[in-house]
Amino acid sequence: MEVFNRLVAVRRNLWSLLLAVLAIGSSGCDSGPETAIVTGKVSFRGKPLHYGTVMFQHEAGGQPAIGTIQSDGSFQLATPGVGEGVRVGPQLVRITSFEGNDPNNPKKLGSGEPVLGRTLIPTKYSSFGASGLSVEVKPGEPQSFEFDLTP
């Protein structure tokens, strides 16, 4: 009988421990970093860039936000794994545009694999560190940024 009582006590303690762990674990959950909706336009030599990619990288690191440049040069950013928007705070920016990004004339190898082709803008813009582009994403209302790239 004593063994049975000890098993019941151990079982009761395990359940109490499990409930305590679950309560502590769920109280620390949050919805992740604060984000804001970000849109914008990219131009090169004063004309809309017709296709490519825009990326914002928070200066503290983490997952970058990505957007596809549309035919009018516009873009809207989303963060993979988080959703629409960009983490609030200082951002480094990189922009790429390659021949193979053209939705009307995608470049492919004989095997069907996509090929980027040559870059249509100076390569410095393809690096967060070298692009010279940065913005501050503020909490609250949606924001729009314009980038006029030069040779």
Protein backbone atom coordinates (compact mmCIF):
# COMPACT_ATOMS: atom_id res chain seq x y z
CA MET A 1 0.00 0.00 0.00
CA GLU A 2 2.87 2.35 0.80
CA VAL A 3 4.30 1.92 -2.73
CA PHE A 4 0.88 2.76 -4.21
CA ASN A 5 0.62 5.96 -2.11
CA ARG A 6 4.11 7.04 -3.21
CA LEU A 7 3.21 6.47 -6.89
CA VAL A 8 0.08 8.58 -6.48
CA ALA A 9 2.10 11.36 -4.79
CA VAL A 10 4.77 11.29 -7.55
CA ARG A 11 2.08 11.36 -10.22
CA ARG A 12 0.36 14.33 -8.53
CA ASN A 13 3.71 16.18 -8.31
CA LEU A 14 4.47 15.52 -11.98
CA TRP A 15 1.09 16.93 -13.00
CA SER A 16 1.66 20.01 -10.84
CA LEU A 17 5.10 20.50 -12.38
CA LEU A 18 3.73 20.11 -15.90
CA LEU A 19 0.98 22.67 -15.26
CA ALA A 20 3.49 25.12 -13.78
CA VAL A 21 5.80 24.78 -16.80
CA LEU A 22 2.90 25.30 -19.20
CA ALA A 23 1.70 28.37 -17.29
CA ILE A 24 5.16 29.94 -17.25
CA GLY A 25 5.82 29.09 -20.91
CA SER A 26 2.57 30.56 -22.18
CA SER A 27 2.87 33.75 -20.13
CA GLY A 28 6.09 34.65 -21.95
CA CYS A 29 4.60 34.27 -25.43
CA ASP A 30 4.27 37.39 -27.53
CA SER A 31 3.39 38.12 -31.11
CA GLY A 32 6.99 38.85 -32.09
CA PRO A 33 8.64 42.16 -32.93
CA GLU A 34 6.50 45.17 -33.77
CA THR A 35 6.08 45.65 -37.51
CA ALA A 36 4.79 48.36 -39.82
CA ILE A 37 3.40 48.21 -43.36
CA VAL A 38 6.00 49.46 -45.84
CA THR A 39 5.52 50.24 -49.52
CA GLY A 40 7.52 52.32 -51.93
CA LYS A 41 8.90 52.94 -55.40
CA VAL A 42 12.26 52.35 -57.01
CA SER A 43 13.57 54.27 -59.98
CA PHE A 44 16.87 54.20 -61.85
CA ARG A 45 18.03 57.28 -63.72
CA GLY A 46 14.68 58.89 -62.98
CA LYS A 47 12.58 56.11 -64.55
CA PRO A 48 10.69 53.35 -62.70
CA LEU A 49 12.64 50.14 -62.27
CA HIS A 50 10.31 47.56 -63.85
CA TYR A 51 11.32 44.45 -61.89
CA GLY A 52 13.64 43.20 -59.19
CA THR A 53 13.70 42.81 -55.43
CA VAL A 54 13.86 45.17 -52.45
CA MET A 55 15.09 43.94 -49.06
CA PHE A 56 15.12 45.71 -45.70
CA GLN A 57 17.40 44.27 -43.00
CA HIS A 58 16.99 45.49 -39.42
CA GLU A 59 20.35 46.76 -38.12
CA ALA A 60 20.03 44.33 -35.17
CA GLY A 61 19.80 41.40 -37.60
CA GLY A 62 17.05 38.83 -37.96
CA GLN A 63 14.91 37.88 -40.92
CA PRO A 64 14.95 40.53 -43.68
CA ALA A 65 11.74 41.84 -45.23
CA ILE A 66 11.41 41.23 -48.96
CA GLY A 67 9.32 42.73 -51.75
CA THR A 68 9.07 42.23 -55.49
CA ILE A 69 9.33 45.34 -57.66
CA GLN A 70 6.28 45.70 -59.92
CA SER A 71 6.27 47.09 -63.49
CA ASP A 72 5.55 50.64 -62.22
CA GLY A 73 8.51 50.49 -59.79
CA SER A 74 6.31 49.95 -56.74
CA PHE A 75 6.88 47.36 -54.02
CA GLN A 76 5.35 46.18 -50.75
CA LEU A 77 7.42 44.37 -48.15
CA ALA A 78 6.68 41.27 -46.11
CA THR A 79 8.83 39.38 -43.62
CA PRO A 80 8.96 35.61 -44.14
CA GLY A 81 7.67 33.79 -41.09
CA VAL A 82 6.18 37.00 -39.68
CA GLY A 83 3.83 38.28 -42.38
CA GLU A 84 3.12 41.56 -44.05
CA GLY A 85 5.30 44.44 -42.93
CA VAL A 86 8.76 45.26 -41.67
CA ARG A 87 10.22 45.15 -38.17
CA VAL A 88 10.19 48.66 -36.69
CA GLY A 89 13.57 50.37 -36.36
CA PRO A 90 16.65 51.25 -38.41
CA GLN A 91 16.98 49.31 -41.67
CA LEU A 92 19.73 48.70 -44.18
CA VAL A 93 18.38 48.45 -47.73
CA ARG A 94 19.47 46.46 -50.75
CA ILE A 95 17.92 46.44 -54.20
CA THR A 96 18.57 44.02 -57.04
CA SER A 97 17.38 43.89 -60.63
CA PHE A 98 18.59 41.26 -63.07
CA GLU A 99 17.64 40.42 -66.65
CA GLY A 100 16.24 37.12 -65.38
CA ASN A 101 13.78 38.95 -63.08
CA ASP A 102 11.80 40.16 -66.10
CA PRO A 103 8.42 38.40 -65.74
CA ASN A 104 7.80 38.85 -69.48
CA ASN A 105 11.13 37.32 -70.51
CA PRO A 106 12.56 35.07 -67.78
CA LYS A 107 16.03 33.69 -68.50
CA LYS A 108 16.43 29.90 -68.18
CA LEU A 109 19.07 27.29 -68.76
CA GLY A 110 18.38 24.39 -71.15
CA SER A 111 17.40 22.36 -68.05
CA GLY A 112 14.72 24.95 -67.20
CA GLU A 113 16.62 26.36 -64.21
CA PRO A 114 16.20 30.13 -63.85
CA VAL A 115 19.21 32.33 -64.59
CA LEU A 116 19.66 35.81 -63.17
CA GLY A 117 21.63 37.17 -66.09
CA ARG A 118 23.38 40.51 -65.89
CA THR A 119 22.48 43.14 -63.34
CA LEU A 120 20.53 46.14 -64.63
CA ILE A 121 21.64 48.50 -61.85
CA PRO A 122 25.06 49.10 -60.27
CA THR A 123 26.14 46.11 -58.17
CA LYS A 124 26.72 48.29 -55.10
CA TYR A 125 22.93 48.37 -54.56
CA SER A 126 22.85 44.58 -54.13
CA SER A 127 24.71 44.70 -50.80
CA PHE A 128 23.30 45.93 -47.50
CA GLY A 129 26.74 47.24 -46.56
CA ALA A 130 27.68 48.91 -49.84
CA SER A 131 24.35 50.27 -51.11
CA GLY A 132 24.46 53.42 -48.99
CA LEU A 133 20.69 53.04 -48.54
CA SER A 134 19.09 53.08 -45.11
CA VAL A 135 15.73 54.08 -43.62
CA GLU A 136 14.00 54.25 -40.26
CA VAL A 137 10.73 52.32 -40.05
CA LYS A 138 8.54 53.91 -37.40
CA PRO A 139 5.68 52.32 -35.49
CA GLY A 140 2.14 53.24 -36.39
CA GLU A 141 0.75 54.08 -39.80
CA PRO A 142 1.92 52.56 -43.10
CA GLN A 143 5.02 54.18 -44.58
CA SER A 144 6.28 54.67 -48.10
CA PHE A 145 9.89 55.07 -49.21
CA GLU A 146 11.23 56.13 -52.61
CA PHE A 147 14.64 55.15 -53.91
CA ASP A 148 16.06 56.91 -56.98
CA LEU A 149 19.14 54.93 -57.90
CA THR A 150 22.00 56.51 -59.82
CA PRO A 151 24.80 54.97 -61.93
